């Protein structure tokens, strides 16, 4: 049983969003193994791009941060902005 942090404990007010996430080719195979049910948009020498339904943005951003600079949220723009703002806050940039 895999517990996906981006789906756990979702608030009743939160509308799920479909996130597009890029992963570095160096970690693509490990990510594919972890995200067995994610829709793969692209998987090539440039990296792995997947779509994940996110209903818990806080869990999603914590999970995404665990990949450091080997992952990047491509969209949607509102989710990307909130993740970037959170990272800046954590890093003391704001």
N, C-alpha and C. Protein backbone atom coordinates (compact mmCIF):
# COMPACT_ATOMS: atom_id res chain seq x y z
N UNK A 1 0.85 -1.18 0.00
CA UNK A 1 0.00 0.00 0.00
C UNK A 1 0.89 1.23 0.00
N UNK A 2 0.71 2.08 -1.01
CA UNK A 2 1.49 3.31 -1.09
C UNK A 2 0.61 4.48 -0.70
N UNK A 3 1.10 5.32 0.19
CA UNK A 3 0.36 6.49 0.63
C UNK A 3 0.96 7.71 -0.06
N UNK A 4 0.20 8.33 -0.93
CA UNK A 4 0.68 9.47 -1.70
C UNK A 4 0.46 10.77 -0.92
N UNK A 5 1.53 11.48 -0.55
CA UNK A 5 1.39 12.68 0.27
C UNK A 5 0.59 13.79 -0.41
N UNK A 6 0.52 13.80 -1.73
CA UNK A 6 -0.23 14.84 -2.44
C UNK A 6 -1.73 14.55 -2.45
N UNK A 7 -2.13 13.38 -1.94
CA UNK A 7 -3.54 13.01 -1.93
C UNK A 7 -4.08 12.81 -0.52
N UNK A 8 -3.21 12.62 0.46
CA UNK A 8 -3.64 12.35 1.83
C UNK A 8 -4.17 13.59 2.53
N UNK A 9 -5.16 13.42 3.34
CA UNK A 9 -5.65 14.50 4.18
C UNK A 9 -6.16 15.70 3.44
N UNK A 10 -6.68 15.50 2.26
CA UNK A 10 -7.16 16.62 1.45
C UNK A 10 -8.31 17.32 2.15
N UNK A 11 -8.27 18.62 2.11
CA UNK A 11 -9.36 19.41 2.70
C UNK A 11 -10.61 19.35 1.86
N UNK A 12 -11.75 19.54 2.48
CA UNK A 12 -13.02 19.48 1.76
C UNK A 12 -13.13 20.65 0.79
N UNK A 13 -12.49 21.77 1.12
CA UNK A 13 -12.57 22.96 0.27
C UNK A 13 -11.62 22.90 -0.92
N UNK A 14 -10.66 22.00 -0.88
CA UNK A 14 -9.65 21.95 -1.93
C UNK A 14 -10.15 21.22 -3.16
N UNK A 15 -10.06 21.89 -4.30
CA UNK A 15 -10.37 21.24 -5.57
C UNK A 15 -9.08 20.61 -6.09
N UNK A 16 -9.12 19.36 -6.46
CA UNK A 16 -7.92 18.72 -6.99
C UNK A 16 -7.44 19.42 -8.27
N UNK A 17 -6.14 19.46 -8.46
CA UNK A 17 -5.55 20.02 -9.67
C UNK A 17 -4.60 18.98 -10.26
N UNK A 18 -4.43 19.05 -11.56
CA UNK A 18 -3.51 18.14 -12.22
C UNK A 18 -2.16 18.83 -12.36
N UNK A 19 -1.17 18.31 -11.66
CA UNK A 19 0.18 18.88 -11.70
C UNK A 19 0.99 18.17 -12.77
N UNK A 20 1.79 18.96 -13.48
CA UNK A 20 2.77 18.42 -14.43
C UNK A 20 4.13 18.62 -13.79
N UNK A 21 4.89 17.53 -13.68
CA UNK A 21 6.18 17.58 -12.99
C UNK A 21 7.25 16.93 -13.85
N UNK A 22 8.38 17.64 -13.97
CA UNK A 22 9.55 17.11 -14.68
C UNK A 22 10.53 16.55 -13.67
N UNK A 23 11.15 15.42 -14.03
CA UNK A 23 12.19 14.81 -13.20
C UNK A 23 13.43 14.58 -14.06
N UNK A 24 14.57 14.80 -13.45
CA UNK A 24 15.87 14.59 -14.08
C UNK A 24 15.97 13.13 -14.55
N UNK A 25 16.57 12.91 -15.73
CA UNK A 25 16.72 11.53 -16.21
C UNK A 25 17.47 10.62 -15.23
N UNK A 26 18.37 11.20 -14.43
CA UNK A 26 19.16 10.40 -13.48
C UNK A 26 18.29 9.73 -12.43
N UNK A 27 17.11 10.27 -12.14
CA UNK A 27 16.24 9.67 -11.13
C UNK A 27 14.93 9.15 -11.71
N UNK A 28 14.80 9.21 -13.02
CA UNK A 28 13.54 8.85 -13.68
C UNK A 28 13.08 7.42 -13.34
N UNK A 29 13.98 6.47 -13.32
CA UNK A 29 13.54 5.09 -13.07
C UNK A 29 13.01 4.93 -11.64
N UNK A 30 13.64 5.59 -10.68
CA UNK A 30 13.15 5.52 -9.29
C UNK A 30 11.79 6.20 -9.17
N UNK A 31 11.61 7.31 -9.86
CA UNK A 31 10.33 8.03 -9.81
C UNK A 31 9.24 7.19 -10.47
N UNK A 32 9.54 6.58 -11.61
CA UNK A 32 8.56 5.71 -12.27
C UNK A 32 8.12 4.59 -11.35
N UNK A 33 9.04 4.01 -10.60
CA UNK A 33 8.71 2.93 -9.67
C UNK A 33 7.83 3.44 -8.54
N UNK A 34 8.07 4.67 -8.08
CA UNK A 34 7.28 5.25 -7.00
C UNK A 34 5.89 5.67 -7.47
N UNK A 35 5.82 6.17 -8.68
CA UNK A 35 4.56 6.71 -9.21
C UNK A 35 3.95 5.75 -10.23
N UNK A 36 3.67 4.57 -9.81
CA UNK A 36 3.17 3.53 -10.73
C UNK A 36 1.90 3.92 -11.46
N UNK A 37 1.05 4.72 -10.82
CA UNK A 37 -0.24 5.04 -11.44
C UNK A 37 -0.27 6.42 -12.10
N UNK A 38 0.83 7.15 -12.07
CA UNK A 38 0.86 8.49 -12.68
C UNK A 38 0.83 8.37 -14.19
N UNK A 39 0.22 9.36 -14.82
CA UNK A 39 0.20 9.41 -16.28
C UNK A 39 1.54 9.96 -16.75
N UNK A 40 2.23 9.18 -17.57
CA UNK A 40 3.53 9.61 -18.11
C UNK A 40 3.27 10.38 -19.40
N UNK A 41 3.70 11.62 -19.39
CA UNK A 41 3.53 12.48 -20.57
C UNK A 41 4.73 12.35 -21.51
N UNK A 42 5.90 12.23 -20.90
CA UNK A 42 7.13 12.13 -21.68
C UNK A 42 8.17 11.38 -20.86
N UNK A 43 8.97 10.55 -21.51
CA UNK A 43 10.02 9.81 -20.83
C UNK A 43 11.12 9.59 -21.86
N UNK A 44 12.13 10.47 -21.82
CA UNK A 44 13.19 10.39 -22.81
C UNK A 44 14.50 10.91 -22.21
N UNK A 45 15.46 11.18 -23.06
CA UNK A 45 16.78 11.63 -22.59
C UNK A 45 16.72 12.99 -21.88
N UNK A 46 15.67 13.76 -22.12
CA UNK A 46 15.51 15.06 -21.48
C UNK A 46 14.89 14.95 -20.09
N UNK A 47 14.35 13.80 -19.76
CA UNK A 47 13.75 13.61 -18.44
C UNK A 47 12.37 12.99 -18.53
N UNK A 48 11.78 12.84 -17.37
CA UNK A 48 10.46 12.24 -17.22
C UNK A 48 9.48 13.34 -16.85
N UNK A 49 8.35 13.41 -17.57
CA UNK A 49 7.29 14.36 -17.23
C UNK A 49 6.04 13.55 -16.93
N UNK A 50 5.49 13.76 -15.74
CA UNK A 50 4.29 13.03 -15.33
C UNK A 50 3.19 14.01 -14.94
N UNK A 51 1.98 13.49 -14.93
CA UNK A 51 0.81 14.23 -14.47
C UNK A 51 0.30 13.52 -13.21
N UNK A 52 0.07 14.30 -12.16
CA UNK A 52 -0.42 13.75 -10.89
C UNK A 52 -1.59 14.61 -10.43
N UNK A 53 -2.64 13.97 -9.97
CA UNK A 53 -3.76 14.71 -9.40
C UNK A 53 -3.43 15.05 -7.96
N UNK A 54 -3.37 16.36 -7.68
CA UNK A 54 -2.98 16.86 -6.36
C UNK A 54 -4.22 17.40 -5.64
N UNK A 55 -4.53 16.80 -4.50
CA UNK A 55 -5.62 17.30 -3.68
C UNK A 55 -5.11 17.81 -2.33
N UNK A 56 -3.83 17.63 -2.06
CA UNK A 56 -3.19 18.13 -0.85
C UNK A 56 -1.91 18.87 -1.25
N UNK A 57 -2.02 20.18 -1.54
CA UNK A 57 -0.85 20.93 -2.00
C UNK A 57 0.32 20.94 -1.02
N UNK A 58 0.03 20.93 0.29
CA UNK A 58 1.11 20.94 1.28
C UNK A 58 1.90 19.63 1.22
N UNK A 59 1.20 18.52 1.14
CA UNK A 59 1.87 17.24 1.01
C UNK A 59 2.65 17.14 -0.28
N UNK A 60 2.07 17.69 -1.35
CA UNK A 60 2.73 17.67 -2.66
C UNK A 60 4.03 18.44 -2.62
N UNK A 61 4.01 19.65 -2.07
CA UNK A 61 5.23 20.47 -2.09
C UNK A 61 6.32 19.86 -1.23
N UNK A 62 5.96 19.24 -0.11
CA UNK A 62 6.97 18.58 0.73
C UNK A 62 7.59 17.39 0.00
N UNK A 63 6.73 16.62 -0.67
CA UNK A 63 7.22 15.48 -1.44
C UNK A 63 8.12 15.96 -2.57
N UNK A 64 7.69 16.99 -3.30
CA UNK A 64 8.45 17.51 -4.42
C UNK A 64 9.81 18.04 -3.96
N UNK A 65 9.85 18.70 -2.81
CA UNK A 65 11.10 19.26 -2.28
C UNK A 65 12.13 18.17 -1.97
N UNK A 66 11.66 16.96 -1.73
CA UNK A 66 12.60 15.87 -1.42
C UNK A 66 13.50 15.53 -2.61
N UNK A 67 13.12 15.98 -3.80
CA UNK A 67 13.92 15.70 -5.00
C UNK A 67 14.94 16.81 -5.29
N UNK A 68 14.93 17.86 -4.45
CA UNK A 68 15.84 18.99 -4.59
C UNK A 68 15.77 19.56 -6.01
N UNK A 69 16.92 19.69 -6.67
CA UNK A 69 16.93 20.30 -8.00
C UNK A 69 16.73 19.29 -9.13
N UNK A 70 16.33 18.10 -8.78
CA UNK A 70 16.11 17.06 -9.80
C UNK A 70 14.64 16.95 -10.19
N UNK A 71 13.82 17.90 -9.72
CA UNK A 71 12.40 17.92 -10.09
C UNK A 71 11.96 19.37 -10.23
N UNK A 72 11.00 19.58 -11.12
CA UNK A 72 10.47 20.93 -11.33
C UNK A 72 8.99 20.83 -11.66
N UNK A 73 8.19 21.62 -10.98
CA UNK A 73 6.77 21.65 -11.29
C UNK A 73 6.58 22.55 -12.52
N UNK A 74 5.95 22.00 -13.54
CA UNK A 74 5.74 22.73 -14.79
C UNK A 74 4.38 23.43 -14.81
N UNK A 75 3.45 22.93 -14.07
CA UNK A 75 2.13 23.56 -14.07
C UNK A 75 1.20 22.80 -13.15
N UNK A 76 0.07 23.35 -12.89
CA UNK A 76 -0.46 24.62 -13.38
C UNK A 76 0.23 25.81 -12.72
N UNK A 77 0.13 26.99 -13.34
CA UNK A 77 0.85 28.16 -12.82
C UNK A 77 0.56 28.50 -11.37
N UNK A 78 -0.69 28.40 -10.93
CA UNK A 78 -1.01 28.73 -9.53
C UNK A 78 -0.31 27.80 -8.56
N UNK A 79 -0.27 26.52 -8.86
CA UNK A 79 0.40 25.56 -7.98
C UNK A 79 1.90 25.80 -8.00
N UNK A 80 2.44 26.08 -9.17
CA UNK A 80 3.88 26.37 -9.28
C UNK A 80 4.23 27.60 -8.45
N UNK A 81 3.43 28.67 -8.58
CA UNK A 81 3.70 29.90 -7.81
C UNK A 81 3.65 29.64 -6.31
N UNK A 82 2.68 28.83 -5.87
CA UNK A 82 2.58 28.57 -4.42
C UNK A 82 3.77 27.75 -3.93
N UNK A 83 4.26 26.82 -4.74
CA UNK A 83 5.43 26.03 -4.35
C UNK A 83 6.67 26.92 -4.31
N UNK A 84 6.83 27.76 -5.31
CA UNK A 84 7.98 28.68 -5.34
C UNK A 84 7.95 29.62 -4.14
N UNK A 85 6.78 30.19 -3.84
CA UNK A 85 6.65 31.09 -2.68
C UNK A 85 7.01 30.37 -1.39
N UNK A 86 6.55 29.13 -1.25
CA UNK A 86 6.85 28.35 -0.05
C UNK A 86 8.36 28.10 0.06
N UNK A 87 9.00 27.74 -1.06
CA UNK A 87 10.45 27.50 -1.04
C UNK A 87 11.22 28.77 -0.69
N UNK A 88 10.78 29.90 -1.22
CA UNK A 88 11.44 31.16 -0.89
C UNK A 88 11.29 31.49 0.58
N UNK A 89 10.11 31.22 1.13
CA UNK A 89 9.88 31.46 2.55
C UNK A 89 10.75 30.56 3.42
N UNK A 90 10.81 29.30 3.05
CA UNK A 90 11.63 28.34 3.79
C UNK A 90 13.11 28.73 3.73
N UNK A 91 13.53 29.22 2.57
CA UNK A 91 14.93 29.61 2.39
C UNK A 91 15.23 30.98 2.99
N UNK A 92 14.21 31.66 3.49
CA UNK A 92 14.41 32.97 4.10
C UNK A 92 14.47 34.10 3.09
N UNK A 93 13.98 33.84 1.88
CA UNK A 93 14.03 34.84 0.82
C UNK A 93 12.94 35.88 0.93
N UNK A 94 11.95 35.69 1.80
CA UNK A 94 10.86 36.68 1.93
C UNK A 94 10.49 36.85 3.36
